[in-house]
C-alpha atoms as a PDB file:
ATOM      1  CA  MET A   1     -58.819  91.494  77.746  1.00  0.00           C
ATOM      2  CA  GLY A   2     -56.175  91.898  80.334  1.00  0.00           C
ATOM      3  CA  LYS A   3     -57.573  94.754  81.830  1.00  0.00           C
ATOM      4  CA  GLU A   4     -55.153  94.978  84.995  1.00  0.00           C
ATOM      5  CA  PHE A   5     -52.494  95.846  82.406  1.00  0.00           C
ATOM      6  CA  LEU A   6     -53.985  98.845  81.109  1.00  0.00           C
ATOM      7  CA  HIS A   7     -52.500 101.367  83.751  1.00  0.00           C
ATOM      8  CA  ILE A   8     -49.293 100.552  81.897  1.00  0.00           C
ATOM      9  CA  PHE A   9     -50.075 102.855  79.344  1.00  0.00           C
ATOM     10  CA  ASP A  10     -51.139 105.601  81.750  1.00  0.00           C
ATOM     11  CA  GLU A  11     -47.313 106.599  81.626  1.00  0.00           C
ATOM     12  CA  TRP A  12     -46.208 104.700  78.507  1.00  0.00           C
ATOM     13  CA  ALA A  13     -48.429 106.566  76.295  1.00  0.00           C
ATOM     14  CA  ASP A  14     -46.358 109.744  75.589  1.00  0.00           C
ATOM     15  CA  GLN A  15     -42.957 107.784  75.551  1.00  0.00           C
ATOM     16  CA  TYR A  16     -44.448 104.839  73.053  1.00  0.00           C
ATOM     17  CA  ASP A  17     -42.994 105.816  69.723  1.00  0.00           C
ATOM     18  CA  ALA A  18     -39.428 106.384  71.448  1.00  0.00           C
ATOM     19  CA  SER A  19     -39.585 103.004  72.901  1.00  0.00           C
ATOM     20  CA  VAL A  20     -40.571 101.286  69.698  1.00  0.00           C
ATOM     21  CA  SER A  21     -37.907 103.266  67.556  1.00  0.00           C
ATOM     22  CA  GLY A  22     -35.419 101.618  70.087  1.00  0.00           C
ATOM     23  CA  GLN A  23     -34.596 104.380  72.421  1.00  0.00           C
ATOM     24  CA  ASP A  24     -35.032 102.448  75.592  1.00  0.00           C
ATOM     25  CA  PRO A  25     -32.072 100.192  75.907  1.00  0.00           C
ATOM     26  CA  GLN A  26     -34.198  97.546  77.758  1.00  0.00           C
ATOM     27  CA  TYR A  27     -36.578  97.194  75.039  1.00  0.00           C
ATOM     28  CA  ALA A  28     -34.239  97.530  71.914  1.00  0.00           C
ATOM     29  CA  ASP A  29     -34.392  93.641  71.217  1.00  0.00           C
ATOM     30  CA  VAL A  30     -38.104  93.465  71.619  1.00  0.00           C
ATOM     31  CA  PHE A  31     -38.596  96.325  69.168  1.00  0.00           C
ATOM     32  CA  PHE A  32     -35.520  95.244  66.685  1.00  0.00           C
ATOM     33  CA  ARG A  33     -36.782  95.535  62.926  1.00  0.00           C
ATOM     34  CA  TYR A  34     -40.035  97.169  64.043  1.00  0.00           C
ATOM     35  CA  GLU A  35     -40.790  98.889  60.768  1.00  0.00           C
ATOM     36  CA  GLU A  36     -40.236  95.689  59.229  1.00  0.00           C
ATOM     37  CA  ILE A  37     -42.317  94.091  61.238  1.00  0.00           C
ATOM     38  CA  LEU A  38     -45.449  96.489  60.749  1.00  0.00           C
ATOM     39  CA  GLU A  39     -44.821  96.198  56.790  1.00  0.00           C
ATOM     40  CA  ALA A  40     -44.929  92.158  57.137  1.00  0.00           C
ATOM     41  CA  VAL A  41     -48.279  92.390  58.872  1.00  0.00           C
ATOM     42  CA  ALA A  42     -49.457  95.218  56.180  1.00  0.00           C
ATOM     43  CA  GLN A  43     -48.478  93.027  53.283  1.00  0.00           C
ATOM     44  CA  ARG A  44     -50.823  90.131  54.027  1.00  0.00           C
ATOM     45  CA  VAL A  45     -54.166  91.793  54.465  1.00  0.00           C
ATOM     46  CA  HIS A  46     -56.657  93.179  52.074  1.00  0.00           C
ATOM     47  CA  GLY A  47     -60.201  94.606  52.017  1.00  0.00           C
ATOM     48  CA  THR A  48     -61.650  95.676  55.313  1.00  0.00           C
ATOM     49  CA  VAL A  49     -59.881  94.969  58.619  1.00  0.00           C
ATOM     50  CA  ILE A  50     -60.044  95.363  62.433  1.00  0.00           C
ATOM     51  CA  GLU A  51     -57.103  96.535  64.190  1.00  0.00           C
ATOM     52  CA  PHE A  52     -56.867  95.666  67.868  1.00  0.00           C
ATOM     53  CA  GLY A  53     -54.714  98.231  70.197  1.00  0.00           C
ATOM     54  CA  PRO A  54     -53.445 100.413  67.202  1.00  0.00           C
ATOM     55  CA  GLY A  55     -51.984 102.827  70.066  1.00  0.00           C
ATOM     56  CA  THR A  56     -50.429 105.604  67.981  1.00  0.00           C
ATOM     57  CA  GLY A  57     -51.074 104.002  64.692  1.00  0.00           C
ATOM     58  CA  ASN A  58     -47.868 103.062  63.414  1.00  0.00           C
ATOM     59  CA  LEU A  59     -49.179  99.956  61.764  1.00  0.00           C
ATOM     60  CA  THR A  60     -52.506 101.652  60.968  1.00  0.00           C
ATOM     61  CA  LYS A  61     -50.359 103.985  58.764  1.00  0.00           C
ATOM     62  CA  ARG A  62     -48.675 101.190  57.023  1.00  0.00           C
ATOM     63  CA  VAL A  63     -52.109  99.174  56.246  1.00  0.00           C
ATOM     64  CA  LEU A  64     -53.867 102.517  54.986  1.00  0.00           C
ATOM     65  CA  GLU A  65     -51.091 103.002  52.475  1.00  0.00           C
ATOM     66  CA  LYS A  66     -51.903  99.649  51.174  1.00  0.00           C
ATOM     67  CA  GLY A  67     -55.404 100.746  50.197  1.00  0.00           C
ATOM     68  CA  VAL A  68     -57.131  98.777  53.139  1.00  0.00           C
ATOM     69  CA  GLU A  69     -59.759 100.094  55.252  1.00  0.00           C
ATOM     70  CA  VAL A  70     -58.927  99.911  59.036  1.00  0.00           C
ATOM     71  CA  LEU A  71     -61.349  99.740  61.602  1.00  0.00           C
ATOM     72  CA  PRO A  72     -59.448 100.621  65.111  1.00  0.00           C
ATOM     73  CA  VAL A  73     -60.582  99.320  68.342  1.00  0.00           C
ATOM     74  CA  GLU A  74     -58.310 100.681  71.160  1.00  0.00           C
ATOM     75  CA  PRO A  75     -58.854  99.973  75.203  1.00  0.00           C
ATOM     76  CA  HIS A  76     -56.558 102.828  76.480  1.00  0.00           C
ATOM     77  CA  ASP A  77     -58.284 106.344  76.754  1.00  0.00           C
ATOM     78  CA  LYS A  78     -54.955 108.092  76.164  1.00  0.00           C
ATOM     79  CA  MET A  79     -53.884 106.059  73.791  1.00  0.00           C
ATOM     80  CA  ARG A  80     -57.140 106.534  71.778  1.00  0.00           C
ATOM     81  CA  ALA A  81     -57.094 110.144  72.081  1.00  0.00           C
ATOM     82  CA  LEU A  82     -53.473 109.942  70.685  1.00  0.00           C
ATOM     83  CA  PHE A  83     -54.600 107.774  67.961  1.00  0.00           C
ATOM     84  CA  GLN A  84     -57.653 110.154  66.919  1.00  0.00           C
ATOM     85  CA  ASN A  85     -55.241 113.170  66.878  1.00  0.00           C
ATOM     86  CA  ARG A  86     -53.145 111.482  64.475  1.00  0.00           C
ATOM     87  CA  PHE A  87     -56.126 109.868  62.176  1.00  0.00           C
ATOM     88  CA  PRO A  88     -59.034 112.502  62.855  1.00  0.00           C
ATOM     89  CA  GLN A  89     -60.842 110.472  59.718  1.00  0.00           C
ATOM     90  CA  LEU A  90     -60.930 107.311  61.713  1.00  0.00           C
ATOM     91  CA  GLU A  91     -63.202 106.775  64.465  1.00  0.00           C
ATOM     92  CA  ALA A  92     -61.411 104.413  67.249  1.00  0.00           C
ATOM     93  CA  GLN A  93     -63.845 102.161  68.986  1.00  0.00           C
ATOM     94  CA  GLU A  94     -63.208 101.446  72.939  1.00  0.00           C
ATOM     95  CA  GLY A  95     -62.818  97.929  72.918  1.00  0.00           C
ATOM     96  CA  ASP A  96     -60.328  95.152  73.092  1.00  0.00           C
ATOM     97  CA  LEU A  97     -59.485  91.890  71.731  1.00  0.00           C
ATOM     98  CA  LEU A  98     -62.472  90.313  73.115  1.00  0.00           C
ATOM     99  CA  GLU A  99     -65.092  92.805  73.598  1.00  0.00           C
ATOM    100  CA  PHE A 100     -65.790  94.984  70.301  1.00  0.00           C
ATOM    101  CA  VAL A 101     -68.661  95.931  68.354  1.00  0.00           C
ATOM    102  CA  THR A 102     -69.360  93.850  65.342  1.00  0.00           C
ATOM    103  CA  PRO A 103     -69.298  96.007  62.293  1.00  0.00           C
ATOM    104  CA  GLU A 104     -71.349  96.286  59.627  1.00  0.00           C
ATOM    105  CA  GLY A 105     -70.346  94.845  56.242  1.00  0.00           C
ATOM    106  CA  GLN A 106     -67.859  92.187  55.519  1.00  0.00           C
ATOM    107  CA  VAL A 107     -64.649  92.086  57.670  1.00  0.00           C
ATOM    108  CA  ASP A 108     -61.803  90.471  55.626  1.00  0.00           C
ATOM    109  CA  GLY A 109     -59.038  90.422  58.311  1.00  0.00           C
ATOM    110  CA  PHE A 110     -57.825  90.999  62.046  1.00  0.00           C
ATOM    111  CA  ILE A 111     -54.197  92.394  62.667  1.00  0.00           C
ATOM    112  CA  SER A 112     -52.404  93.420  65.860  1.00  0.00           C
ATOM    113  CA  SER A 113     -48.824  93.930  66.833  1.00  0.00           C
ATOM    114  CA  TYR A 114     -47.666  93.652  70.364  1.00  0.00           C
ATOM    115  CA  VAL A 115     -51.227  92.828  71.711  1.00  0.00           C
ATOM    116  CA  PHE A 116     -52.140  89.360  71.588  1.00  0.00           C
ATOM    117  CA  HIS A 117     -50.278  88.363  74.699  1.00  0.00           C
ATOM    118  CA  HIS A 118     -52.701  90.354  77.066  1.00  0.00           C
ATOM    119  CA  LEU A 119     -55.026  87.306  76.627  1.00  0.00           C
ATOM    120  CA  THR A 120     -54.746  84.223  78.435  1.00  0.00           C
ATOM    121  CA  ASP A 121     -54.117  81.226  76.158  1.00  0.00           C
ATOM    122  CA  ALA A 122     -58.169  80.453  77.077  1.00  0.00           C
ATOM    123  CA  GLU A 123     -58.966  83.800  76.058  1.00  0.00           C
ATOM    124  CA  LYS A 124     -56.800  83.729  72.969  1.00  0.00           C
ATOM    125  CA  GLY A 125     -58.568  80.788  71.796  1.00  0.00           C
ATOM    126  CA  GLU A 126     -62.156  82.341  72.628  1.00  0.00           C
ATOM    127  CA  ALA A 127     -60.956  85.255  70.860  1.00  0.00           C
ATOM    128  CA  LEU A 128     -59.972  83.254  67.576  1.00  0.00           C
ATOM    129  CA  LYS A 129     -63.232  81.296  67.679  1.00  0.00           C
ATOM    130  CA  ARG A 130     -64.868  84.847  67.373  1.00  0.00           C
ATOM    131  CA  TYR A 131     -62.823  86.032  64.384  1.00  0.00           C
ATOM    132  CA  ALA A 132     -63.450  82.932  62.673  1.00  0.00           C
ATOM    133  CA  GLU A 133     -66.937  83.157  62.876  1.00  0.00           C
ATOM    134  CA  LEU A 134     -66.936  86.744  61.390  1.00  0.00           C
ATOM    135  CA  LEU A 135     -64.822  86.115  58.748  1.00  0.00           C
ATOM    136  CA  PRO A 136     -65.217  84.573  55.166  1.00  0.00           C
ATOM    137  CA  VAL A 137     -63.449  81.498  53.983  1.00  0.00           C
ATOM    138  CA  GLY A 138     -60.024  82.911  53.036  1.00  0.00           C
ATOM    139  CA  GLY A 139     -60.228  85.789  55.708  1.00  0.00           C
ATOM    140  CA  LYS A 140     -57.087  86.389  57.759  1.00  0.00           C
ATOM    141  CA  VAL A 141     -55.506  86.776  61.185  1.00  0.00           C
ATOM    142  CA  VAL A 142     -52.238  88.669  61.063  1.00  0.00           C
ATOM    143  CA  PHE A 143     -50.613  89.354  64.461  1.00  0.00           C
ATOM    144  CA  ALA A 144     -47.086  90.176  65.323  1.00  0.00           C
ATOM    145  CA  ASP A 145     -46.168  89.644  68.824  1.00  0.00           C
ATOM    146  CA  THR A 146     -43.734  87.882  71.461  1.00  0.00           C
ATOM    147  CA  VAL A 147     -43.914  84.077  71.241  1.00  0.00           C
ATOM    148  CA  PHE A 148     -41.712  81.537  72.492  1.00  0.00           C
ATOM    149  CA  SER A 149     -40.705  78.189  70.593  1.00  0.00           C
ATOM    150  CA  SER A 150     -41.170  76.564  73.989  1.00  0.00           C
ATOM    151  CA  GLU A 151     -41.871  77.059  77.460  1.00  0.00           C
ATOM    152  CA  ASP A 152     -38.142  76.387  78.085  1.00  0.00           C
ATOM    153  CA  ALA A 153     -36.919  79.077  75.779  1.00  0.00           C
ATOM    154  CA  LYS A 154     -39.125  81.418  77.476  1.00  0.00           C
ATOM    155  CA  GLN A 155     -37.863  80.639  81.078  1.00  0.00           C
ATOM    156  CA  ALA A 156     -34.063  80.795  79.431  1.00  0.00           C
ATOM    157  CA  GLN A 157     -34.950  84.543  77.684  1.00  0.00           C
ATOM    158  CA  ILE A 158     -35.948  85.702  81.392  1.00  0.00           C
ATOM    159  CA  LEU A 159     -32.852  84.423  83.007  1.00  0.00           C
ATOM    160  CA  LYS A 160     -31.047  86.138  80.187  1.00  0.00           C
ATOM    161  CA  GLU A 161     -32.672  89.609  80.791  1.00  0.00           C
ATOM    162  CA  LYS A 162     -32.166  89.434  84.390  1.00  0.00           C
ATOM    163  CA  ALA A 163     -28.475  88.618  83.869  1.00  0.00           C
ATOM    164  CA  ARG A 164     -28.110  91.657  81.756  1.00  0.00           C
ATOM    165  CA  GLY A 165     -30.099  93.756  84.303  1.00  0.00           C
ATOM    166  CA  TYR A 166     -33.030  94.372  82.220  1.00  0.00           C
ATOM    167  CA  VAL A 167     -35.452  93.785  84.997  1.00  0.00           C
ATOM    168  CA  ALA A 168     -38.195  95.493  83.546  1.00  0.00           C
ATOM    169  CA  VAL A 169     -38.315  93.488  80.484  1.00  0.00           C
ATOM    170  CA  ALA A 170     -38.136  89.957  82.717  1.00  0.00           C
ATOM    171  CA  GLU A 171     -40.980  91.301  84.753  1.00  0.00           C
ATOM    172  CA  ASP A 172     -43.073  92.045  81.877  1.00  0.00           C
ATOM    173  CA  LEU A 173     -42.312  88.136  80.387  1.00  0.00           C
ATOM    174  CA  GLU A 174     -43.345  86.924  84.002  1.00  0.00           C
ATOM    175  CA  ARG A 175     -46.116  88.943  84.323  1.00  0.00           C
ATOM    176  CA  GLU A 176     -48.183  88.955  81.193  1.00  0.00           C
ATOM    177  CA  TYR A 177     -49.513  86.005  79.212  1.00  0.00           C
ATOM    178  CA  TYR A 178     -46.748  85.078  76.506  1.00  0.00           C
ATOM    179  CA  THR A 179     -47.218  81.692  75.328  1.00  0.00           C
ATOM    180  CA  THR A 180     -45.785  79.223  72.849  1.00  0.00           C
ATOM    181  CA  ILE A 181     -45.753  78.234  69.165  1.00  0.00           C
ATOM    182  CA  PRO A 182     -47.314  74.851  69.801  1.00  0.00           C
ATOM    183  CA  VAL A 183     -50.328  76.474  72.241  1.00  0.00           C
ATOM    184  CA  LEU A 184     -50.896  78.862  69.244  1.00  0.00           C
ATOM    185  CA  THR A 185     -50.956  76.439  66.298  1.00  0.00           C
ATOM    186  CA  SER A 186     -52.796  74.201  68.659  1.00  0.00           C
ATOM    187  CA  LEU A 187     -55.568  77.444  69.167  1.00  0.00           C
ATOM    188  CA  PHE A 188     -55.597  78.602  65.787  1.00  0.00           C
ATOM    189  CA  GLU A 189     -56.222  74.974  64.220  1.00  0.00           C
ATOM    190  CA  GLN A 190     -59.200  74.513  66.825  1.00  0.00           C
ATOM    191  CA  ALA A 191     -60.831  77.674  65.632  1.00  0.00           C
ATOM    192  CA  GLY A 192     -60.309  76.532  61.931  1.00  0.00           C
ATOM    193  CA  PHE A 193     -57.456  78.297  60.584  1.00  0.00           C
ATOM    194  CA  GLY A 194     -54.050  77.146  59.019  1.00  0.00           C
ATOM    195  CA  VAL A 195     -51.399  78.817  60.365  1.00  0.00           C
ATOM    196  CA  THR A 196     -47.707  80.005  59.771  1.00  0.00           C
ATOM    197  CA  PHE A 197     -45.185  81.347  62.179  1.00  0.00           C
ATOM    198  CA  THR A 198     -41.992  83.670  60.943  1.00  0.00           C
ATOM    199  CA  GLN A 199     -39.794  84.894  63.192  1.00  0.00           C
ATOM    200  CA  MET A 200     -38.829  88.424  62.875  1.00  0.00           C
ATOM    201  CA  ASN A 201     -36.361  88.953  65.603  1.00  0.00           C
ATOM    202  CA  ASP A 202     -35.266  87.560  69.116  1.00  0.00           C
ATOM    203  CA  TYR A 203     -38.798  88.187  70.682  1.00  0.00           C
ATOM    204  CA  VAL A 204     -41.452  88.539  67.956  1.00  0.00           C
ATOM    205  CA  TRP A 205     -42.964  86.107  65.518  1.00  0.00           C
ATOM    206  CA  LEU A 206     -45.536  86.923  62.922  1.00  0.00           C
ATOM    207  CA  MET A 207     -48.574  84.876  63.104  1.00  0.00           C
ATOM    208  CA  ASP A 208     -50.451  84.579  59.613  1.00  0.00           C
ATOM    209  CA  ALA A 209     -53.458  82.654  59.762  1.00  0.00           C
ATOM    210  CA  THR A 210     -55.965  81.916  57.109  1.00  0.00           C
ATOM    211  CA  LYS A 211     -59.635  80.712  57.823  1.00  0.00           C
ATOM    212  CA  GLY A 212     -60.003  77.193  56.231  1.00  0.00           C
ATOM    213  CA  GLY A 213     -56.389  77.336  55.390  1.00  0.00           C
ATOM    214  CA  THR A 214     -53.802  74.507  55.788  1.00  0.00           C
ATOM    215  CA  THR A 215     -50.251  74.837  57.813  1.00  0.00           C
ATOM    216  CA  GLN A 216     -47.520  74.965  55.509  1.00  0.00           C
END
């Protein structure tokens, strides 16, 4: 899973919570309404879920408060240590969106926030097919991430950030695998999911997918 990007978290881990709270001006728009985004994910799942890239555990906390069991999967050593310190009762598995140990018992959903873009489109499709194999009918994939309505919209946003002098954001958009709603819709449907998209801010969309469901 985009292991070439893991080094980003070497220095960011200690500043992660400051960034998501809007203290970094360059990323303020990306994390605008951050708490509402996490809440939107948490409200849509039940039972037992696997969370990819929990980081410092902000989404985990929300989901646990809903009475949902969380099985965390975190690829970065430092982030996993921070998570473990905050949630000593949970055992964070070393793994990622594609490579994780299948748990015993039923999994009712997969969740993540700001993570899915680490996969190429082909890898996203591969991951969704695996999730579909593990979920019962009605099982959920609920991801919140930066997505664009079209490739033209993505390129326009890159130009906008460069014009604002937000070079770091522009470089992120060019370097990582941010994709579009039409591409994601096709990938979800090919894996047997019905999916809806809800825009949460200028960058982030909520992907709410149900195995065997229909797109509304």
